[in-house]
C-alpha atoms as a PDB file:
ATOM      1  CA  UNK A   1      -8.890  10.769 -17.159  1.00  0.00           C
ATOM      2  CA  UNK A   2      -5.627  12.559 -16.403  1.00  0.00           C
ATOM      3  CA  UNK A   3      -4.054  15.994 -16.421  1.00  0.00           C
ATOM      4  CA  UNK A   4      -1.064  17.061 -18.473  1.00  0.00           C
ATOM      5  CA  UNK A   5       1.028  19.895 -17.106  1.00  0.00           C
ATOM      6  CA  UNK A   6       4.407  21.489 -16.570  1.00  0.00           C
ATOM      7  CA  UNK A   7       5.674  21.104 -13.027  1.00  0.00           C
ATOM      8  CA  UNK A   8       8.186  23.478 -11.483  1.00  0.00           C
ATOM      9  CA  UNK A   9      10.411  21.912  -8.844  1.00  0.00           C
ATOM     10  CA  UNK A  10      13.539  22.896  -6.939  1.00  0.00           C
ATOM     11  CA  UNK A  11      16.443  20.479  -7.163  1.00  0.00           C
ATOM     12  CA  UNK A  12      18.408  19.475  -4.092  1.00  0.00           C
ATOM     13  CA  UNK A  13      20.879  22.229  -5.020  1.00  0.00           C
ATOM     14  CA  UNK A  14      18.180  24.912  -5.035  1.00  0.00           C
ATOM     15  CA  UNK A  15      18.111  25.226  -8.823  1.00  0.00           C
ATOM     16  CA  UNK A  16      14.542  25.454 -10.177  1.00  0.00           C
ATOM     17  CA  UNK A  17      13.673  23.088 -13.031  1.00  0.00           C
ATOM     18  CA  UNK A  18      10.559  22.876 -15.218  1.00  0.00           C
ATOM     19  CA  UNK A  19       9.402  19.408 -16.212  1.00  0.00           C
ATOM     20  CA  UNK A  20       7.151  19.575 -19.266  1.00  0.00           C
ATOM     21  CA  UNK A  21       4.598  17.027 -20.386  1.00  0.00           C
ATOM     22  CA  UNK A  22       4.037  15.530 -16.940  1.00  0.00           C
ATOM     23  CA  UNK A  23       0.970  13.301 -16.772  1.00  0.00           C
ATOM     24  CA  UNK A  24      -0.888  13.408 -13.456  1.00  0.00           C
ATOM     25  CA  UNK A  25      -3.321  10.597 -12.637  1.00  0.00           C
ATOM     26  CA  UNK A  26      -5.527   9.930  -9.647  1.00  0.00           C
ATOM     27  CA  UNK A  27      -4.388   6.411  -8.774  1.00  0.00           C
ATOM     28  CA  UNK A  28      -6.418   6.015  -5.612  1.00  0.00           C
ATOM     29  CA  UNK A  29      -9.025   7.709  -3.492  1.00  0.00           C
ATOM     30  CA  UNK A  30      -9.991   7.288   0.149  1.00  0.00           C
ATOM     31  CA  UNK A  31     -11.929   9.098   2.809  1.00  0.00           C
ATOM     32  CA  UNK A  32     -15.449   9.610   4.048  1.00  0.00           C
ATOM     33  CA  UNK A  33     -18.441  11.889   3.478  1.00  0.00           C
ATOM     34  CA  UNK A  34     -16.591  14.870   4.967  1.00  0.00           C
ATOM     35  CA  UNK A  35     -13.190  14.690   3.286  1.00  0.00           C
ATOM     36  CA  UNK A  36     -11.545  12.661   0.540  1.00  0.00           C
ATOM     37  CA  UNK A  37      -7.870  12.099  -0.189  1.00  0.00           C
ATOM     38  CA  UNK A  38      -6.802  11.806  -3.815  1.00  0.00           C
ATOM     39  CA  UNK A  39      -3.609   9.809  -4.264  1.00  0.00           C
ATOM     40  CA  UNK A  40      -1.766  10.999  -7.377  1.00  0.00           C
ATOM     41  CA  UNK A  41       1.039   9.587  -9.477  1.00  0.00           C
ATOM     42  CA  UNK A  42       3.169  11.855 -11.664  1.00  0.00           C
ATOM     43  CA  UNK A  43       4.427  10.197 -14.861  1.00  0.00           C
ATOM     44  CA  UNK A  44       7.125  11.226 -17.325  1.00  0.00           C
ATOM     45  CA  UNK A  45       6.597  11.116 -21.108  1.00  0.00           C
ATOM     46  CA  UNK A  46       7.751   7.475 -21.213  1.00  0.00           C
ATOM     47  CA  UNK A  47       5.217   6.389 -18.590  1.00  0.00           C
ATOM     48  CA  UNK A  48       7.628   6.050 -15.681  1.00  0.00           C
ATOM     49  CA  UNK A  49       6.393   7.122 -12.265  1.00  0.00           C
ATOM     50  CA  UNK A  50       8.381  10.118 -11.050  1.00  0.00           C
ATOM     51  CA  UNK A  51       6.719  10.523  -7.640  1.00  0.00           C
ATOM     52  CA  UNK A  52       3.425  10.262  -5.795  1.00  0.00           C
ATOM     53  CA  UNK A  53       1.580  12.773  -3.651  1.00  0.00           C
ATOM     54  CA  UNK A  54      -1.755  13.030  -1.830  1.00  0.00           C
ATOM     55  CA  UNK A  55      -4.217  15.935  -1.744  1.00  0.00           C
ATOM     56  CA  UNK A  56      -7.291  16.251   0.480  1.00  0.00           C
ATOM     57  CA  UNK A  57     -10.463  17.939  -0.626  1.00  0.00           C
ATOM     58  CA  UNK A  58     -14.048  18.421   0.502  1.00  0.00           C
ATOM     59  CA  UNK A  59     -16.398  16.060  -1.287  1.00  0.00           C
ATOM     60  CA  UNK A  60     -19.953  16.617  -2.482  1.00  0.00           C
ATOM     61  CA  UNK A  61     -22.162  13.556  -2.111  1.00  0.00           C
ATOM     62  CA  UNK A  62     -24.578  14.959  -4.693  1.00  0.00           C
ATOM     63  CA  UNK A  63     -21.848  15.887  -7.198  1.00  0.00           C
ATOM     64  CA  UNK A  64     -19.927  13.929  -9.826  1.00  0.00           C
ATOM     65  CA  UNK A  65     -18.106  10.757  -8.867  1.00  0.00           C
ATOM     66  CA  UNK A  66     -15.265  11.213  -6.396  1.00  0.00           C
ATOM     67  CA  UNK A  67     -12.483  10.835  -8.961  1.00  0.00           C
ATOM     68  CA  UNK A  68     -14.010  13.509 -11.215  1.00  0.00           C
ATOM     69  CA  UNK A  69     -14.351  15.762  -8.156  1.00  0.00           C
ATOM     70  CA  UNK A  70     -10.678  15.165  -7.347  1.00  0.00           C
ATOM     71  CA  UNK A  71      -9.611  16.335 -10.825  1.00  0.00           C
ATOM     72  CA  UNK A  72     -11.856  19.397 -10.578  1.00  0.00           C
ATOM     73  CA  UNK A  73     -10.338  20.241  -7.210  1.00  0.00           C
ATOM     74  CA  UNK A  74      -6.780  19.814  -8.497  1.00  0.00           C
ATOM     75  CA  UNK A  75      -7.442  22.284 -11.318  1.00  0.00           C
ATOM     76  CA  UNK A  76      -8.242  24.947  -8.679  1.00  0.00           C
ATOM     77  CA  UNK A  77      -4.723  24.700  -7.226  1.00  0.00           C
ATOM     78  CA  UNK A  78      -1.989  27.067  -8.465  1.00  0.00           C
ATOM     79  CA  UNK A  79       0.373  24.208  -9.349  1.00  0.00           C
ATOM     80  CA  UNK A  80      -2.217  22.764 -11.744  1.00  0.00           C
ATOM     81  CA  UNK A  81      -3.619  26.068 -13.064  1.00  0.00           C
ATOM     82  CA  UNK A  82      -2.262  25.424 -16.582  1.00  0.00           C
ATOM     83  CA  UNK A  83      -3.071  21.710 -16.641  1.00  0.00           C
ATOM     84  CA  UNK A  84      -5.160  20.339 -19.481  1.00  0.00           C
ATOM     85  CA  UNK A  85      -7.509  17.357 -19.403  1.00  0.00           C
ATOM     86  CA  UNK A  86      -6.358  14.347 -21.363  1.00  0.00           C
END
């Protein structure tokens, strides 16, 4: 599973840039029954890793597996609002 999205970033010169076709994958997960941390990698269209980032979220022990819960959580965030499953 992964998400495909357009990411808006500011360059070091303060110029905003949109990167289209960015693939976002949960590459690791850690935590406990109270909170999980999803470790993400952002890939360009050629499969190169652009950067990594971590997001924490509240986990449900009776819900889907933790990775599926991470993707569902990410889709609730404004930066992934337009992301599609792929």
